[in-house]
Amino acid sequence: MDKGYIQVFCGNGEGKSSAAFGKGLLEASKGKNVIIIKFMKNKDENEMEFFSKLEPEIKLFRFERSEICFCELSEEQKTEESINIRNGLNYANKVLGTGECDVLVLDEILGVLDEGIIQSQEIKNILESKSENVSIIMTGINLPDELRNCVDIVSNISNES
């Protein structure tokens, strides 16, 4: 088996999720099972429908119930969605514990950190619990210093010309 890696697509530029999804697609083309968990984003039925066509090699999950982006919710709605986001995090732990996938994409997980829903240590625990042959890809704007030493590859995406 291939040795797994931990990669982060971060920065203020656009395309971090696209890069992560593309990486997942490439891994699936090599026979790997990929699970994508989306956090903090609008629900996009077209995207969900498209990814369902890629099953069982690639599975996409979104645990938030709201149709709109987390940033547009009221404080009360954010509190409710935080519970759903934690359920997504628990699912990520379960997937890693059961060996259900070869590649786990945690889309916008760093945004969950920025919102204060989880702490860096919780992500660090996830990264440390992965088996040697599993890869994890994370996206978001800010990669905290305390997670940098857990990461093999950091790709900084910016809007600079």
C-alpha atoms as a PDB file:
ATOM      1  CA  MET A   1       0.000   0.000   0.000  1.00  0.00           C
ATOM      2  CA  ASP A   2       1.028   3.604  -0.590  1.00  0.00           C
ATOM      3  CA  LYS A   3       2.075   5.699   2.357  1.00  0.00           C
ATOM      4  CA  GLY A   4      -0.590   8.250   3.215  1.00  0.00           C
ATOM      5  CA  TYR A   5      -0.021  11.969   3.509  1.00  0.00           C
ATOM      6  CA  ILE A   6      -1.655  15.038   4.994  1.00  0.00           C
ATOM      7  CA  GLN A   7      -2.134  17.946   2.611  1.00  0.00           C
ATOM      8  CA  VAL A   8      -3.636  21.380   3.192  1.00  0.00           C
ATOM      9  CA  PHE A   9      -4.932  23.817   0.585  1.00  0.00           C
ATOM     10  CA  CYS A  10      -5.106  27.174   2.362  1.00  0.00           C
ATOM     11  CA  GLY A  11      -4.913  30.897   1.688  1.00  0.00           C
ATOM     12  CA  ASN A  12      -7.154  33.758   0.660  1.00  0.00           C
ATOM     13  CA  GLY A  13      -7.501  32.672  -2.964  1.00  0.00           C
ATOM     14  CA  GLU A  14     -10.275  30.784  -4.690  1.00  0.00           C
ATOM     15  CA  GLY A  15      -9.946  27.154  -5.784  1.00  0.00           C
ATOM     16  CA  LYS A  16      -8.934  25.414  -2.564  1.00  0.00           C
ATOM     17  CA  SER A  17     -11.947  23.099  -2.586  1.00  0.00           C
ATOM     18  CA  SER A  18     -11.594  22.505  -6.319  1.00  0.00           C
ATOM     19  CA  ALA A  19      -7.964  21.525  -5.813  1.00  0.00           C
ATOM     20  CA  ALA A  20      -8.882  19.168  -2.969  1.00  0.00           C
ATOM     21  CA  PHE A  21     -11.732  17.595  -4.948  1.00  0.00           C
ATOM     22  CA  GLY A  22      -9.435  17.216  -7.958  1.00  0.00           C
ATOM     23  CA  LYS A  23      -6.831  15.507  -5.805  1.00  0.00           C
ATOM     24  CA  GLY A  24      -9.551  13.184  -4.494  1.00  0.00           C
ATOM     25  CA  LEU A  25     -10.652  12.429  -8.050  1.00  0.00           C
ATOM     26  CA  LEU A  26      -7.084  11.557  -9.051  1.00  0.00           C
ATOM     27  CA  GLU A  27      -6.762   9.245  -6.046  1.00  0.00           C
ATOM     28  CA  ALA A  28     -10.080   7.576  -6.934  1.00  0.00           C
ATOM     29  CA  SER A  29      -8.783   7.002 -10.482  1.00  0.00           C
ATOM     30  CA  LYS A  30      -5.998   4.950  -8.861  1.00  0.00           C
ATOM     31  CA  GLY A  31      -8.552   2.696  -7.157  1.00  0.00           C
ATOM     32  CA  LYS A  32      -8.713   4.544  -3.823  1.00  0.00           C
ATOM     33  CA  ASN A  33     -11.927   5.086  -1.885  1.00  0.00           C
ATOM     34  CA  VAL A  34     -12.484   8.782  -1.178  1.00  0.00           C
ATOM     35  CA  ILE A  35     -14.805  10.384   1.355  1.00  0.00           C
ATOM     36  CA  ILE A  36     -15.410  14.129   1.229  1.00  0.00           C
ATOM     37  CA  ILE A  37     -16.999  15.936   4.165  1.00  0.00           C
ATOM     38  CA  LYS A  38     -18.030  19.528   3.435  1.00  0.00           C
ATOM     39  CA  PHE A  39     -18.221  22.102   6.208  1.00  0.00           C
ATOM     40  CA  MET A  40     -19.364  25.745   6.319  1.00  0.00           C
ATOM     41  CA  LYS A  41     -20.748  25.956   2.759  1.00  0.00           C
ATOM     42  CA  ASN A  42     -24.074  26.347   0.984  1.00  0.00           C
ATOM     43  CA  LYS A  43     -25.941  23.200   0.094  1.00  0.00           C
ATOM     44  CA  ASP A  44     -25.609  22.691  -3.648  1.00  0.00           C
ATOM     45  CA  GLU A  45     -28.036  20.073  -4.948  1.00  0.00           C
ATOM     46  CA  ASN A  46     -26.324  19.910  -8.361  1.00  0.00           C
ATOM     47  CA  GLU A  47     -22.986  19.180  -6.711  1.00  0.00           C
ATOM     48  CA  MET A  48     -24.524  16.554  -4.434  1.00  0.00           C
ATOM     49  CA  GLU A  49     -26.264  14.902  -7.403  1.00  0.00           C
ATOM     50  CA  PHE A  50     -23.072  14.902  -9.478  1.00  0.00           C
ATOM     51  CA  PHE A  51     -20.986  13.366  -6.701  1.00  0.00           C
ATOM     52  CA  SER A  52     -23.615  10.660  -6.172  1.00  0.00           C
ATOM     53  CA  LYS A  53     -22.754   9.454  -9.691  1.00  0.00           C
ATOM     54  CA  LEU A  54     -19.171   8.872  -8.559  1.00  0.00           C
ATOM     55  CA  GLU A  55     -20.171   6.453  -5.798  1.00  0.00           C
ATOM     56  CA  PRO A  56     -18.915   4.119  -4.427  1.00  0.00           C
ATOM     57  CA  GLU A  57     -15.389   5.394  -5.180  1.00  0.00           C
ATOM     58  CA  ILE A  58     -16.127   8.963  -4.035  1.00  0.00           C
ATOM     59  CA  LYS A  59     -18.757   9.808  -1.427  1.00  0.00           C
ATOM     60  CA  LEU A  60     -19.727  13.352  -0.481  1.00  0.00           C
ATOM     61  CA  PHE A  61     -21.264  14.219   2.889  1.00  0.00           C
ATOM     62  CA  ARG A  62     -22.586  17.458   4.328  1.00  0.00           C
ATOM     63  CA  PHE A  63     -23.907  17.313   7.886  1.00  0.00           C
ATOM     64  CA  GLU A  64     -25.206  20.859   8.132  1.00  0.00           C
ATOM     65  CA  ARG A  65     -28.965  21.119   7.682  1.00  0.00           C
ATOM     66  CA  SER A  66     -29.227  24.725   6.567  1.00  0.00           C
ATOM     67  CA  GLU A  67     -29.416  25.453   2.854  1.00  0.00           C
ATOM     68  CA  ILE A  68     -27.302  28.589   3.231  1.00  0.00           C
ATOM     69  CA  CYS A  69     -23.700  29.274   4.194  1.00  0.00           C
ATOM     70  CA  PHE A  70     -22.833  29.213   7.904  1.00  0.00           C
ATOM     71  CA  CYS A  71     -21.667  32.844   7.761  1.00  0.00           C
ATOM     72  CA  GLU A  72     -25.185  33.984   6.785  1.00  0.00           C
ATOM     73  CA  LEU A  73     -26.952  32.304   9.736  1.00  0.00           C
ATOM     74  CA  SER A  74     -28.298  33.981  12.867  1.00  0.00           C
ATOM     75  CA  GLU A  75     -26.463  33.285  16.125  1.00  0.00           C
ATOM     76  CA  GLU A  76     -29.209  30.846  17.157  1.00  0.00           C
ATOM     77  CA  GLN A  77     -28.959  28.991  13.839  1.00  0.00           C
ATOM     78  CA  LYS A  78     -25.158  28.916  14.133  1.00  0.00           C
ATOM     79  CA  THR A  79     -25.479  27.254  17.533  1.00  0.00           C
ATOM     80  CA  GLU A  80     -27.729  24.553  16.034  1.00  0.00           C
ATOM     81  CA  GLU A  81     -25.481  24.049  13.034  1.00  0.00           C
ATOM     82  CA  SER A  82     -22.416  23.770  15.285  1.00  0.00           C
ATOM     83  CA  ILE A  83     -23.912  20.534  16.606  1.00  0.00           C
ATOM     84  CA  ASN A  84     -24.320  19.229  13.051  1.00  0.00           C
ATOM     85  CA  ILE A  85     -20.759  20.268  12.218  1.00  0.00           C
ATOM     86  CA  ARG A  86     -19.505  18.329  15.246  1.00  0.00           C
ATOM     87  CA  ASN A  87     -21.454  15.315  13.923  1.00  0.00           C
ATOM     88  CA  GLY A  88     -19.441  15.652  10.705  1.00  0.00           C
ATOM     89  CA  LEU A  89     -16.256  15.692  12.730  1.00  0.00           C
ATOM     90  CA  ASN A  90     -17.373  12.603  14.644  1.00  0.00           C
ATOM     91  CA  TYR A  91     -18.078  10.901  11.317  1.00  0.00           C
ATOM     92  CA  ALA A  92     -14.540  11.754  10.157  1.00  0.00           C
ATOM     93  CA  ASN A  93     -13.187  10.071  13.293  1.00  0.00           C
ATOM     94  CA  LYS A  94     -15.379   7.014  12.667  1.00  0.00           C
ATOM     95  CA  VAL A  95     -14.274   6.745   9.030  1.00  0.00           C
ATOM     96  CA  LEU A  96     -10.622   6.840  10.059  1.00  0.00           C
ATOM     97  CA  GLY A  97     -11.193   4.341  12.869  1.00  0.00           C
ATOM     98  CA  THR A  98     -12.941   1.812  10.652  1.00  0.00           C
ATOM     99  CA  GLY A  99     -10.648   2.197   7.652  1.00  0.00           C
ATOM    100  CA  GLU A 100     -13.637   3.077   5.493  1.00  0.00           C
ATOM    101  CA  CYS A 101     -11.610   5.189   3.072  1.00  0.00           C
ATOM    102  CA  ASP A 102      -8.136   5.671   1.667  1.00  0.00           C
ATOM    103  CA  VAL A 103      -8.508   9.436   1.276  1.00  0.00           C
ATOM    104  CA  LEU A 104     -10.500  11.747   3.542  1.00  0.00           C
ATOM    105  CA  VAL A 105     -11.168  15.280   2.314  1.00  0.00           C
ATOM    106  CA  LEU A 106     -12.208  17.711   5.048  1.00  0.00           C
ATOM    107  CA  ASP A 107     -13.407  20.654   2.996  1.00  0.00           C
ATOM    108  CA  GLU A 108     -13.313  23.970   4.898  1.00  0.00           C
ATOM    109  CA  ILE A 109     -12.406  22.277   8.189  1.00  0.00           C
ATOM    110  CA  LEU A 110     -10.035  25.163   8.891  1.00  0.00           C
ATOM    111  CA  GLY A 111     -13.046  27.502   8.690  1.00  0.00           C
ATOM    112  CA  VAL A 112     -14.624  25.483  11.491  1.00  0.00           C
ATOM    113  CA  LEU A 113     -11.539  26.355  13.532  1.00  0.00           C
ATOM    114  CA  ASP A 114     -11.808  30.039  12.566  1.00  0.00           C
ATOM    115  CA  GLU A 115     -15.410  30.080  13.805  1.00  0.00           C
ATOM    116  CA  GLY A 116     -14.329  28.617  17.157  1.00  0.00           C
ATOM    117  CA  ILE A 117     -16.595  25.559  16.807  1.00  0.00           C
ATOM    118  CA  ILE A 118     -13.655  23.240  17.395  1.00  0.00           C
ATOM    119  CA  GLN A 119     -10.091  23.683  18.619  1.00  0.00           C
ATOM    120  CA  SER A 120      -6.840  22.877  16.834  1.00  0.00           C
ATOM    121  CA  GLN A 121      -6.232  19.966  19.203  1.00  0.00           C
ATOM    122  CA  GLU A 122      -9.364  18.218  17.901  1.00  0.00           C
ATOM    123  CA  ILE A 123      -8.040  18.330  14.349  1.00  0.00           C
ATOM    124  CA  LYS A 124      -4.605  17.292  15.561  1.00  0.00           C
ATOM    125  CA  ASN A 125      -6.201  14.250  17.234  1.00  0.00           C
ATOM    126  CA  ILE A 126      -7.872  13.309  13.946  1.00  0.00           C
ATOM    127  CA  LEU A 127      -4.609  13.660  12.022  1.00  0.00           C
ATOM    128  CA  GLU A 128      -2.712  11.586  14.562  1.00  0.00           C
ATOM    129  CA  SER A 129      -5.359   8.841  14.527  1.00  0.00           C
ATOM    130  CA  LYS A 130      -5.092   8.117  10.807  1.00  0.00           C
ATOM    131  CA  SER A 131      -3.444   4.892   9.763  1.00  0.00           C
ATOM    132  CA  GLU A 132      -0.182   5.091   7.840  1.00  0.00           C
ATOM    133  CA  ASN A 133      -1.749   4.377   4.447  1.00  0.00           C
ATOM    134  CA  VAL A 134      -4.627   6.896   4.682  1.00  0.00           C
ATOM    135  CA  SER A 135      -4.343  10.399   3.259  1.00  0.00           C
ATOM    136  CA  ILE A 136      -6.149  13.450   4.598  1.00  0.00           C
ATOM    137  CA  ILE A 137      -6.730  16.618   2.600  1.00  0.00           C
ATOM    138  CA  MET A 138      -7.945  19.744   4.387  1.00  0.00           C
ATOM    139  CA  THR A 139      -8.997  23.158   3.116  1.00  0.00           C
ATOM    140  CA  GLY A 140      -9.582  26.593   4.593  1.00  0.00           C
ATOM    141  CA  ILE A 141      -8.121  30.062   4.735  1.00  0.00           C
ATOM    142  CA  ASN A 142      -5.889  29.885   7.809  1.00  0.00           C
ATOM    143  CA  LEU A 143      -3.623  27.011   8.817  1.00  0.00           C
ATOM    144  CA  PRO A 144      -2.752  27.473  12.507  1.00  0.00           C
ATOM    145  CA  ASP A 145       0.910  27.126  13.443  1.00  0.00           C
ATOM    146  CA  GLU A 146       0.096  24.332  15.904  1.00  0.00           C
ATOM    147  CA  LEU A 147      -1.084  22.151  12.990  1.00  0.00           C
ATOM    148  CA  ARG A 148       1.771  22.877  10.577  1.00  0.00           C
ATOM    149  CA  ASN A 149       4.068  20.217  12.062  1.00  0.00           C
ATOM    150  CA  CYS A 150       1.357  17.571  11.444  1.00  0.00           C
ATOM    151  CA  VAL A 151       1.102  18.386   7.726  1.00  0.00           C
ATOM    152  CA  ASP A 152       3.234  16.950   4.917  1.00  0.00           C
ATOM    153  CA  ILE A 153       2.240  19.351   2.132  1.00  0.00           C
ATOM    154  CA  VAL A 154       0.911  22.935   2.377  1.00  0.00           C
ATOM    155  CA  SER A 155      -0.372  24.517  -0.811  1.00  0.00           C
ATOM    156  CA  ASN A 156      -1.019  28.229  -0.344  1.00  0.00           C
ATOM    157  CA  ILE A 157      -3.545  29.557  -2.838  1.00  0.00           C
ATOM    158  CA  SER A 158      -3.786  33.325  -3.245  1.00  0.00           C
ATOM    159  CA  ASN A 159      -5.522  35.792  -5.558  1.00  0.00           C
ATOM    160  CA  GLU A 160      -2.305  37.618  -6.373  1.00  0.00           C
ATOM    161  CA  SER A 161      -1.592  38.388 -10.022  1.00  0.00           C
END
